[in-house]
Amino acid sequence: MPGRVMLSSVTKDDLPLGDIRKLKDFWYESETIPERLQQSGWPLKTGSRIDFTFARSEIQHHLAGKYGFEVYNFQNTATDGASPEKVTILETRRSHLVIGIFGSQTGWRVPDQDPLTPTFREWRAALESPLKFKVFVLKGALSVKMPPGLHDLVQDITNYKRGVIYQEFPDAVDLFTSVDRAVRDYVNKAVVRYAHDYAARQPTAETERWLMLPYRARVEEMRSALDREAQTLGVNQNLLTLGSAVQPVELHCVPDNFSIPESKKFAAYIFDDEVSTDASEARGRLHVVAAFGGITDLQVRRHLGNFEAAEVYFDSWGLYACVPGSGTQCVYLPQCVNSLVMQSKLSGAISWLNEHGAEITALAMRRRQILNLVSASAASANLRKAGSGRK
């Protein structure tokens, strides 16, 4: 069954078109956009504008053609006699992804006690599952005065970190680019979940080979697989791009459960070793530990070295933990019994890190400042010792 996407737009604005040449490498049938514009009566010239009817149609064309999605667009779909608000809320809940588009001029009202239009009611329903809800806001539209009910809903949406649920766009080309990026992220996560579920049930030849190896040899095999999968997922020369920032990462492997001392020792001193890392880096390292066996909350806290201050977050791919005061942070990928599981968990972790990129990089900058202070203090102490000896 194909994935189902709901298009939910709240606007009557015209949009600046933007430079359609930027769509060339990824937009479905981008080469025929000029023809579709002319057929819809929109001239292709500098400063051209389009209406949201064309924008919705173009997005629907792209999602169906490139990704094979079944796209529900209320404006183009009959309701079979049911009330529009009931039909659209039902569609909101059954769709895998809800894409909202917001401009400064809102749509029509339903004559009942609810102050929201049908589309805003869809959005209120979509907020029940915020991870599948993406809103794209015309730049400057949120500054328009809104009635109390609508203001509260928009506030709920924007309370989520910028980029997770909503982001602004200045023109149609930027809107199309942002929509495609959000859909690719959704598809990647769906593939990751499928790959993880499938791989976890399938003992592969690689799993059996790793099981037969002694710890040191198993770590070498795991590290080789982790390096390979990390490069595939965008980690180049131990650098991962998170938004506009480049974050240094360091990869480690543990050949069994974290509860086994002989296994845990392979990642026991990763935070202590940071003092000797390159001080020219703008940020401290984000460590990634792939374990062949399991990892618990208590083990993670002990590993970080500050049991009470550690903050630990769980997800389907594993755990993220940090100590805010010191900037120490680490991603833990448990049960990496073969490279396929490792790839799916690392992919899920990177998607999560991208959603929390600002916090991750801020902690990494704090970590670097602390490491630099430690290094400077150690150098000063060595100098005093050397001077004392000469005297």
Protein backbone atom coordinates (compact mmCIF):
# COMPACT_ATOMS: atom_id res chain seq x y z
CA MET A 1 0.00 0.00 0.00
CA PRO A 2 1.50 3.40 -0.93
CA GLY A 3 2.22 5.98 1.72
CA ARG A 4 -0.46 8.64 2.18
CA VAL A 5 0.30 12.35 2.44
CA MET A 6 -2.20 15.06 3.26
CA LEU A 7 -1.75 18.57 1.86
CA SER A 8 -3.33 21.14 4.17
CA SER A 9 -2.90 24.78 3.17
CA VAL A 10 -4.26 27.85 4.94
CA THR A 11 -3.79 30.81 2.64
CA LYS A 12 -5.06 32.89 -0.25
CA ASP A 13 -1.75 34.68 -0.83
CA ASP A 14 0.15 34.90 -4.07
CA LEU A 15 3.76 33.76 -3.80
CA PRO A 16 6.97 34.99 -5.40
CA LEU A 17 8.01 32.18 -7.75
CA GLY A 18 11.78 32.24 -7.21
CA ASP A 19 14.48 30.73 -9.42
CA ILE A 20 13.07 27.49 -10.86
CA ARG A 21 16.53 26.48 -12.08
CA LYS A 22 17.29 25.45 -8.48
CA LEU A 23 14.73 22.63 -8.84
CA LYS A 24 16.57 20.98 -11.71
CA ASP A 25 18.33 18.18 -9.79
CA PHE A 26 15.54 16.88 -7.58
CA TRP A 27 12.05 18.14 -8.54
CA TYR A 28 9.82 15.75 -10.51
CA GLU A 29 9.60 16.80 -14.19
CA SER A 30 11.25 20.12 -13.36
CA GLU A 31 12.05 20.69 -17.03
CA THR A 32 8.34 21.07 -17.84
CA ILE A 33 7.52 23.55 -15.04
CA PRO A 34 7.49 26.47 -17.52
CA GLU A 35 4.83 24.67 -19.57
CA ARG A 36 2.69 24.01 -16.51
CA LEU A 37 3.01 27.64 -15.45
CA GLN A 38 1.88 28.88 -18.86
CA GLN A 39 -1.03 26.42 -18.93
CA SER A 40 -2.16 27.84 -15.57
CA GLY A 41 -1.87 31.40 -16.85
CA TRP A 42 1.24 32.44 -14.91
CA PRO A 43 3.94 34.23 -16.96
CA LEU A 44 7.52 33.06 -16.53
CA LYS A 45 9.55 36.25 -16.04
CA THR A 46 11.63 38.04 -13.42
CA GLY A 47 9.53 38.73 -10.33
CA SER A 48 6.76 36.30 -11.35
CA ARG A 49 4.20 35.28 -8.74
CA ILE A 50 1.94 32.24 -8.50
CA ASP A 51 -1.10 31.42 -6.41
CA PHE A 52 -1.40 28.61 -3.88
CA THR A 53 -3.63 26.60 -6.17
CA PHE A 54 -0.69 26.13 -8.52
CA ALA A 55 1.73 25.53 -5.60
CA ARG A 56 -0.51 22.80 -4.16
CA SER A 57 -0.94 21.22 -7.58
CA GLU A 58 2.83 21.22 -8.16
CA ILE A 59 3.57 19.66 -4.78
CA GLN A 60 0.91 16.99 -5.35
CA HIS A 61 2.37 16.26 -8.80
CA HIS A 62 5.86 15.93 -7.29
CA LEU A 63 4.89 13.67 -4.36
CA ALA A 64 2.91 11.30 -6.53
CA GLY A 65 5.43 11.21 -9.38
CA LYS A 66 8.72 11.05 -7.49
CA TYR A 67 7.74 9.07 -4.38
CA GLY A 68 4.59 7.24 -5.44
CA PHE A 69 2.56 8.72 -2.58
CA GLU A 70 -1.21 8.83 -2.51
CA VAL A 71 -1.86 12.54 -1.92
CA TYR A 72 -5.03 13.84 -0.30
CA ASN A 73 -5.80 17.48 -1.03
CA PHE A 74 -9.12 18.61 0.43
CA GLN A 75 -9.56 21.39 -2.14
CA ASN A 76 -9.59 18.81 -4.97
CA THR A 77 -11.41 15.91 -3.27
CA ALA A 78 -15.13 15.33 -2.92
CA THR A 79 -16.41 14.64 0.63
CA ASP A 80 -19.20 12.14 -0.25
CA GLY A 81 -21.76 14.17 1.67
CA ALA A 82 -19.94 14.20 5.02
CA SER A 83 -19.12 17.51 6.69
CA PRO A 84 -15.77 18.91 5.52
CA GLU A 85 -14.37 19.24 9.03
CA LYS A 86 -15.11 15.57 9.87
CA VAL A 87 -13.65 14.29 6.62
CA THR A 88 -10.47 16.33 6.86
CA ILE A 89 -9.79 15.42 10.50
CA LEU A 90 -10.28 11.73 9.64
CA GLU A 91 -7.81 12.11 6.76
CA THR A 92 -5.36 13.87 9.06
CA ARG A 93 -5.31 10.92 11.42
CA ARG A 94 -5.00 8.24 8.75
CA SER A 95 -2.27 9.97 6.72
CA HIS A 96 1.37 9.03 7.28
CA LEU A 97 2.55 12.61 6.76
CA VAL A 98 0.68 15.93 7.01
CA ILE A 99 2.14 18.91 5.14
CA GLY A 100 0.67 22.28 6.16
CA ILE A 101 1.25 25.55 4.28
CA PHE A 102 0.44 28.81 6.05
CA GLY A 103 0.11 32.31 4.61
CA SER A 104 -1.16 35.62 5.91
CA GLN A 105 -4.73 35.27 4.57
CA THR A 106 -6.67 32.39 6.08
CA GLY A 107 -9.49 30.32 4.65
CA TRP A 108 -13.23 30.11 5.23
CA ARG A 109 -15.01 29.59 8.54
CA VAL A 110 -17.49 26.90 9.57
CA PRO A 111 -20.64 28.33 11.23
CA ASP A 112 -20.34 26.57 14.61
CA GLN A 113 -18.84 27.26 18.04
CA ASP A 114 -15.29 26.24 17.11
CA PRO A 115 -13.37 29.40 16.10
CA LEU A 116 -11.04 27.49 13.75
CA THR A 117 -11.43 26.92 10.02
CA PRO A 118 -11.54 23.30 8.76
CA THR A 119 -7.85 23.39 7.86
CA PHE A 120 -6.80 24.64 11.27
CA ARG A 121 -8.88 21.86 12.78
CA GLU A 122 -6.80 19.45 10.70
CA TRP A 123 -3.67 20.98 12.20
CA ARG A 124 -5.00 20.66 15.73
CA ALA A 125 -5.60 16.96 15.04
CA ALA A 126 -2.14 16.62 13.44
CA LEU A 127 -0.49 17.96 16.61
CA GLU A 128 -1.61 14.75 18.31
CA SER A 129 1.23 13.11 16.31
CA PRO A 130 3.74 15.97 15.94
CA LEU A 131 6.50 13.86 14.36
CA LYS A 132 4.40 13.38 11.20
CA PHE A 133 3.36 17.04 10.98
CA LYS A 134 5.35 19.61 8.96
CA VAL A 135 4.23 23.23 8.53
CA PHE A 136 5.77 25.65 6.02
CA VAL A 137 5.08 29.30 6.79
CA LEU A 138 5.26 32.18 4.31
CA LYS A 139 7.88 34.58 5.63
CA GLY A 140 6.27 37.30 7.73
CA ALA A 141 2.87 35.56 7.94
CA LEU A 142 3.09 34.88 11.68
CA SER A 143 3.21 38.60 12.43
CA VAL A 144 -0.39 39.04 11.21
CA LYS A 145 -2.92 39.59 14.00
CA MET A 146 -4.96 36.43 14.65
CA PRO A 147 -8.13 35.62 16.62
CA PRO A 148 -7.51 34.02 20.06
CA GLY A 149 -8.27 30.41 19.05
CA LEU A 150 -6.02 30.58 16.01
CA HIS A 151 -3.27 32.39 17.92
CA ASP A 152 -3.19 29.61 20.54
CA LEU A 153 -2.92 26.90 17.87
CA VAL A 154 -0.12 28.68 16.01
CA GLN A 155 1.66 29.19 19.33
CA ASP A 156 1.48 25.44 19.99
CA ILE A 157 3.03 24.77 16.57
CA THR A 158 5.83 27.32 16.92
CA ASN A 159 6.65 26.18 20.46
CA TYR A 160 8.28 23.17 18.83
CA LYS A 161 11.89 23.89 17.91
CA ARG A 162 12.27 25.66 14.57
CA GLY A 163 12.88 23.14 11.81
CA VAL A 164 11.23 20.18 13.57
CA ILE A 165 7.60 21.06 12.85
CA TYR A 166 7.67 24.42 11.08
CA GLN A 167 9.97 26.56 8.99
CA GLU A 168 9.58 29.73 6.94
CA PHE A 169 9.93 30.11 3.17
CA PRO A 170 10.33 33.30 1.09
CA ASP A 171 9.15 31.98 -2.30
CA ALA A 172 7.65 28.97 -4.06
CA VAL A 173 11.00 27.42 -5.05
CA ASP A 174 12.15 27.48 -1.43
CA LEU A 175 8.81 25.97 -0.39
CA PHE A 176 9.22 23.14 -2.92
CA THR A 177 12.80 22.52 -1.75
CA SER A 178 11.78 22.38 1.92
CA VAL A 179 8.85 20.06 1.22
CA ASP A 180 11.07 17.64 -0.70
CA ARG A 181 13.65 17.66 2.10
CA ALA A 182 10.98 16.89 4.71
CA VAL A 183 9.57 14.05 2.63
CA ARG A 184 13.03 12.55 2.06
CA ASP A 185 13.60 12.64 5.81
CA TYR A 186 10.26 10.86 6.37
CA VAL A 187 11.11 8.21 3.77
CA ASN A 188 14.56 7.64 5.29
CA LYS A 189 13.05 7.15 8.74
CA ALA A 190 10.43 4.75 7.39
CA VAL A 191 13.15 2.70 5.64
CA VAL A 192 15.25 2.72 8.81
CA ARG A 193 12.37 1.38 10.89
CA TYR A 194 11.69 -1.36 8.35
CA ALA A 195 15.36 -2.30 8.03
CA HIS A 196 15.76 -2.43 11.79
CA ASP A 197 12.71 -4.62 12.33
CA TYR A 198 13.72 -6.95 9.51
CA ALA A 199 17.40 -7.16 10.39
CA ALA A 200 16.75 -7.79 14.07
CA ARG A 201 14.81 -10.93 13.18
CA GLN A 202 17.34 -12.27 10.69
CA PRO A 203 20.52 -13.95 12.00
CA THR A 204 22.94 -13.37 9.14
CA ALA A 205 26.22 -15.02 8.25
CA GLU A 206 27.91 -11.83 9.42
CA THR A 207 26.23 -12.11 12.83
CA GLU A 208 27.41 -15.71 13.18
CA ARG A 209 30.95 -14.78 12.14
CA TRP A 210 31.11 -11.94 14.65
CA LEU A 211 29.83 -14.25 17.40
CA MET A 212 32.66 -16.71 16.76
CA LEU A 213 35.41 -14.09 16.94
CA PRO A 214 37.37 -13.18 20.10
CA TYR A 215 36.66 -9.71 21.45
CA ARG A 216 39.59 -7.89 19.85
CA ALA A 217 38.92 -9.34 16.40
CA ARG A 218 35.19 -8.66 16.77
CA VAL A 219 35.85 -5.01 17.62
CA GLU A 220 38.00 -4.66 14.51
CA GLU A 221 35.21 -6.12 12.31
CA MET A 222 32.59 -3.91 13.96
CA ARG A 223 34.75 -0.81 13.67
CA SER A 224 35.33 -1.45 9.97
CA ALA A 225 31.57 -1.81 9.43
CA LEU A 226 30.81 1.29 11.53
CA ASP A 227 33.32 3.40 9.58
CA ARG A 228 31.83 2.21 6.30
CA GLU A 229 28.21 2.86 7.31
CA ALA A 230 29.08 6.25 8.83
CA GLN A 231 30.66 7.40 5.56
CA THR A 232 27.57 6.25 3.67
CA LEU A 233 25.42 8.36 6.02
CA GLY A 234 27.49 11.53 5.64
CA VAL A 235 30.25 11.27 8.26
CA ASN A 236 33.37 12.32 6.35
CA GLN A 237 36.79 12.50 8.02
CA ASN A 238 35.08 12.22 11.42
CA LEU A 239 32.89 15.25 10.71
CA LEU A 240 29.08 15.27 10.67
CA THR A 241 27.09 18.23 9.34
CA LEU A 242 24.24 19.23 11.68
CA GLY A 243 22.31 22.08 10.11
CA SER A 244 24.85 24.80 9.32
CA ALA A 245 27.45 23.48 11.79
CA VAL A 246 30.15 20.84 11.33
CA GLN A 247 30.39 18.58 14.37
CA PRO A 248 33.48 16.39 15.08
CA VAL A 249 32.54 12.80 15.95
CA GLU A 250 34.51 9.82 17.17
CA LEU A 251 33.41 6.23 16.57
CA HIS A 252 33.88 3.36 19.04
CA CYS A 253 32.78 -0.26 19.31
CA VAL A 254 32.11 -2.55 22.27
CA PRO A 255 32.13 -6.30 21.47
CA ASP A 256 29.49 -7.44 24.00
CA ASN A 257 27.15 -6.13 26.70
CA PHE A 258 28.22 -3.05 28.67
CA SER A 259 27.84 -5.10 31.83
CA ILE A 260 30.94 -7.19 31.00
CA PRO A 261 34.14 -5.43 32.11
CA GLU A 262 36.29 -7.13 29.41
CA SER A 263 33.88 -5.75 26.80
CA LYS A 264 33.27 -2.29 28.27
CA LYS A 265 37.01 -1.54 28.49
CA PHE A 266 37.10 -0.93 24.72
CA ALA A 267 35.24 2.35 25.31
CA ALA A 268 36.06 2.94 28.98
CA TYR A 269 38.37 5.94 28.60
CA ILE A 270 37.00 7.78 25.57
CA PHE A 271 36.19 10.94 27.56
CA ASP A 272 39.55 10.98 29.36
CA ASP A 273 41.36 10.74 26.03
CA GLU A 274 39.65 13.91 24.78
CA VAL A 275 42.19 16.12 26.55
CA SER A 276 44.81 15.07 23.98
CA THR A 277 42.59 15.78 20.94
CA ASP A 278 43.27 18.57 18.47
CA ALA A 279 42.63 21.90 20.26
CA SER A 280 42.14 23.62 16.90
CA GLU A 281 38.68 22.06 16.62
CA ALA A 282 35.94 24.57 17.36
CA ARG A 283 33.86 21.92 19.14
CA GLY A 284 34.44 18.95 21.39
CA ARG A 285 33.82 15.46 20.08
CA LEU A 286 30.44 13.77 19.93
CA HIS A 287 31.17 10.12 20.66
CA VAL A 288 29.27 7.27 19.03
CA VAL A 289 29.48 3.84 20.68
CA ALA A 290 28.12 0.80 18.82
CA ALA A 291 27.73 -2.21 21.15
CA PHE A 292 27.25 -5.80 20.08
CA GLY A 293 25.14 -6.34 23.20
CA GLY A 294 22.78 -4.35 25.37
CA ILE A 295 23.22 -1.02 27.17
CA THR A 296 21.12 0.20 30.10
CA ASP A 297 20.43 3.63 31.55
CA LEU A 298 22.52 2.89 34.66
CA GLN A 299 25.47 1.70 32.56
CA VAL A 300 25.34 4.86 30.45
CA ARG A 301 25.34 7.09 33.53
CA ARG A 302 28.34 5.28 34.98
CA HIS A 303 30.12 5.47 31.64
CA LEU A 304 29.68 9.25 31.52
CA GLY A 305 31.24 9.48 34.98
CA ASN A 306 28.61 11.75 36.55
CA PHE A 307 25.71 9.58 37.63
CA GLU A 308 23.39 12.29 38.99
CA ALA A 309 24.04 15.05 36.43
CA ALA A 310 23.76 12.84 33.33
CA GLU A 311 20.69 13.29 31.10
CA VAL A 312 19.69 10.18 29.12
CA TYR A 313 17.23 10.08 26.19
CA PHE A 314 15.85 6.89 24.67
CA ASP A 315 14.74 6.28 21.09
CA SER A 316 14.09 3.28 18.83
CA TRP A 317 17.72 3.38 17.62
CA GLY A 318 19.33 3.55 21.08
CA LEU A 319 20.30 6.22 23.62
CA TYR A 320 21.75 9.72 23.67
CA ALA A 321 23.34 10.92 26.91
CA CYS A 322 25.08 14.10 28.04
CA VAL A 323 26.35 15.95 31.09
CA PRO A 324 25.30 19.57 30.44
CA GLY A 325 27.80 21.07 32.88
CA SER A 326 30.86 19.50 31.22
CA GLY A 327 29.54 19.27 27.64
CA THR A 328 30.29 15.53 27.58
CA GLN A 329 27.94 13.70 25.20
CA CYS A 330 27.65 10.31 23.60
CA VAL A 331 25.34 8.30 21.33
CA TYR A 332 24.89 4.61 22.20
CA LEU A 333 23.74 2.06 19.61
CA PRO A 334 22.91 -1.26 21.34
CA GLN A 335 22.47 -4.70 19.76
CA CYS A 336 24.55 -3.95 16.65
CA VAL A 337 24.84 -7.62 15.75
CA ASN A 338 25.59 -7.03 12.06
CA SER A 339 26.28 -4.14 9.70
CA LEU A 340 22.64 -3.88 8.56
CA VAL A 341 21.40 -3.31 12.12
CA MET A 342 24.32 -0.94 12.67
CA GLN A 343 23.37 1.05 9.56
CA SER A 344 19.70 1.35 10.53
CA LYS A 345 20.47 2.44 14.10
CA LEU A 346 23.14 4.93 13.07
CA SER A 347 20.80 6.39 10.45
CA GLY A 348 18.08 6.84 13.06
CA ALA A 349 20.56 8.44 15.45
CA ILE A 350 21.77 10.92 12.81
CA SER A 351 18.18 11.93 12.02
CA TRP A 352 17.60 12.54 15.74
CA LEU A 353 20.84 14.51 16.03
CA ASN A 354 19.80 16.71 13.09
CA GLU A 355 16.54 17.54 14.87
CA HIS A 356 18.50 18.58 17.98
CA GLY A 357 21.52 20.04 16.17
CA ALA A 358 21.57 23.39 17.97
CA GLU A 359 21.70 21.77 21.42
CA ILE A 360 24.31 19.22 20.31
CA THR A 361 26.70 21.78 18.86
CA ALA A 362 26.23 24.20 21.80
CA LEU A 363 27.27 21.44 24.22
CA ALA A 364 30.20 20.57 21.97
CA MET A 365 31.42 24.17 22.06
CA ARG A 366 31.21 24.16 25.86
CA ARG A 367 33.17 20.91 25.91
CA ARG A 368 35.94 22.41 23.77
CA GLN A 369 36.20 25.46 26.05
CA ILE A 370 36.56 23.21 29.10
CA LEU A 371 39.15 20.99 27.39
CA ASN A 372 41.17 24.04 26.39
CA LEU A 373 41.15 25.27 29.99
CA VAL A 374 42.30 21.86 31.22
CA SER A 375 45.09 21.76 28.64
CA ALA A 376 46.20 25.30 29.51
CA SER A 377 46.26 24.48 33.23
CA ALA A 378 48.28 21.32 32.61
CA ALA A 379 50.77 23.20 30.44
CA SER A 380 51.13 25.92 33.07
CA ALA A 381 51.74 23.32 35.79
CA ASN A 382 54.42 21.59 33.70
CA LEU A 383 56.13 24.93 33.13
CA ARG A 384 56.20 25.65 36.85
CA LYS A 385 57.70 22.22 37.52
CA ALA A 386 60.34 22.70 34.83
CA GLY A 387 61.25 26.17 36.18
CA SER A 388 61.49 24.80 39.71
CA GLY A 389 63.92 22.11 38.56
CA ARG A 390 66.23 24.59 36.80
CA LYS A 391 66.35 26.79 39.87
